[in-house]
Protein backbone atom coordinates (compact mmCIF):
# COMPACT_ATOMS: atom_id res chain seq x y z
CA MET A 1 14.18 11.73 -0.46
CA THR A 2 14.48 8.88 -1.36
CA ALA A 3 12.10 6.23 -0.71
CA VAL A 4 12.85 2.90 -2.20
CA LEU A 5 10.00 -0.28 -2.55
CA ALA A 6 11.71 -4.11 -2.34
CA VAL A 7 8.51 -6.84 -3.87
CA GLY A 8 10.49 -9.40 -3.53
CA SER A 9 8.48 -12.69 -5.88
CA ARG A 10 8.85 -15.08 -3.05
CA ALA A 11 10.10 -15.41 0.78
CA GLY A 12 10.92 -18.69 1.15
CA PRO A 13 11.79 -21.46 -1.62
CA GLY A 14 8.36 -23.05 -3.37
CA THR A 15 6.00 -20.20 -0.61
CA GLY A 16 4.94 -17.99 -3.54
CA HIS A 17 4.63 -15.19 -1.45
CA SER A 18 5.25 -11.89 -1.49
CA VAL A 19 7.70 -9.87 0.35
CA VAL A 20 7.23 -5.51 1.16
CA ALA A 21 9.16 -3.68 2.15
CA GLY A 22 10.40 0.05 2.88
CA MET A 23 13.14 2.18 2.39
CA ARG A 24 14.53 5.50 2.11
CA ARG A 25 18.11 7.32 2.44
CA THR A 26 19.31 4.08 0.88
CA ALA A 27 22.60 5.65 -0.62
CA ASP A 28 23.89 7.19 2.42
CA ARG A 29 22.37 6.52 6.39
CA ASN A 30 20.61 2.88 5.17
CA ALA A 31 23.27 1.86 2.28
CA PRO A 32 24.02 -1.47 5.18
CA ALA A 33 20.63 -2.88 4.95
CA VAL A 34 20.65 -2.34 1.69
CA THR A 35 23.58 -4.52 1.48
CA ALA A 36 22.48 -7.18 3.54
CA LEU A 37 19.35 -7.17 1.68
CA GLN A 38 20.96 -7.89 -1.56
CA ARG A 39 22.98 -10.46 -0.13
CA LEU A 40 19.69 -12.25 1.45
CA ALA A 41 18.61 -11.79 -2.13
CA ALA A 42 20.90 -13.56 -3.31
CA ASP A 43 21.42 -16.56 -0.58
CA GLU A 44 17.58 -17.52 -0.35
CA ASP A 45 17.16 -17.19 -4.26
CA LEU A 46 14.61 -13.37 -4.29
CA THR A 47 13.65 -11.91 -6.79
CA LEU A 48 14.05 -8.03 -5.28
CA PRO A 49 13.65 -5.41 -7.44
CA ALA A 50 13.39 -1.84 -5.80
CA SER A 51 11.63 0.74 -7.12
CA GLU A 52 11.99 4.73 -6.12
CA LEU A 53 8.75 5.26 -5.11
CA ASP A 54 7.73 9.35 -5.16
CA VAL A 55 6.77 11.25 -2.21
CA GLN A 56 5.42 14.14 -3.96
CA SER A 57 2.71 11.93 -5.07
CA ILE A 58 2.19 10.99 -1.22
CA ALA A 59 1.52 15.19 -1.12
CA ASP A 60 -0.21 14.58 -4.47
CA GLU A 61 -3.24 12.79 -3.09
CA ILE A 62 -3.48 14.18 -0.47
CA VAL A 63 -3.22 17.86 -0.44
CA PRO A 64 -7.54 17.46 -2.56
CA ILE A 65 -8.28 15.46 0.78
CA VAL A 66 -7.11 17.87 3.07
CA ASP A 67 -9.29 20.82 0.67
CA LEU A 68 -12.43 19.31 0.62
CA PRO A 69 -14.82 20.32 3.59
CA ALA A 70 -15.41 18.45 6.97
CA GLY A 71 -17.90 15.87 6.56
CA GLY A 72 -16.77 15.51 2.75
CA ARG A 73 -13.84 13.89 3.45
CA PRO A 74 -12.49 10.06 2.59
CA LEU A 75 -12.02 7.81 5.77
CA ARG A 76 -9.05 6.45 3.68
CA SER A 77 -7.34 7.22 0.32
CA HIS A 78 -5.51 4.65 -0.73
CA LEU A 79 -1.82 5.44 -3.25
CA ASP A 80 0.03 2.60 -5.05
CA PRO A 81 3.04 3.76 -6.01
CA GLY A 82 4.14 0.14 -7.69
CA LYS A 83 0.46 -0.05 -9.72
CA LYS A 84 0.03 -3.73 -8.46
CA GLY A 85 -3.26 -2.82 -7.97
CA SER A 86 -4.47 -3.30 -3.75
CA GLU A 87 -6.40 -0.19 -4.65
CA VAL A 88 -9.34 -2.42 -5.20
CA VAL A 89 -8.63 -4.53 -1.83
CA PRO A 90 -10.70 -1.73 0.73
CA ILE A 91 -13.03 -0.83 -2.44
CA VAL A 92 -14.08 -4.39 -2.25
CA ALA A 93 -13.93 -4.73 1.20
CA ASP A 94 -16.30 -1.25 2.16
CA ARG A 95 -18.60 -3.40 -0.78
CA ILE A 96 -18.51 -6.56 1.47
CA ARG A 97 -19.19 -4.49 4.11
CA THR A 98 -22.40 -3.07 2.94
CA GLU A 99 -24.19 -6.10 1.66
CA PHE A 100 -23.08 -7.11 5.01
CA TYR A 101 -24.68 -4.05 6.73
CA ARG A 102 -27.83 -4.26 4.44
CA ARG A 103 -28.43 -8.33 4.85
CA VAL A 104 -28.33 -8.15 8.99
CA GLY A 105 -30.59 -5.15 9.36
CA ILE A 106 -27.90 -2.05 10.43
CA GLU A 107 -27.60 -0.66 6.82
CA ASP A 108 -28.23 3.00 9.28
CA LEU A 109 -25.33 2.46 9.75
CA LEU A 110 -23.69 3.51 6.69
CA SER A 111 -22.45 6.15 6.03
CA SER A 112 -23.92 8.14 3.26
CA THR A 113 -21.02 7.78 1.23
CA ALA A 114 -20.73 4.72 1.90
CA SER A 115 -19.99 2.56 -1.17
CA ILE A 116 -23.12 0.68 -2.71
């Protein structure tokens, strides 16, 4: 199974947006879509480097979680195959939520495994 992650540096002239698209089976079934995406990137002057996703890394992330006892499993796990730093987002969100709950006096709603 082939999976490709395309990350664009611009989603339009001067906008500074990033585009993330995932696609599997790029060599056969989805080859026409890949060609069309490459044509669009060239026409719009977009940078769309492709990087292979290792589907085994997903299994490697899930197996240890499944092996944890009930009640000890995290609500979510983050896998960042592109190593873009996005794993920080849920950590920061948990911290902000925890601080907010404490500030408004509802910290009893926090789980015992809250980040802070």
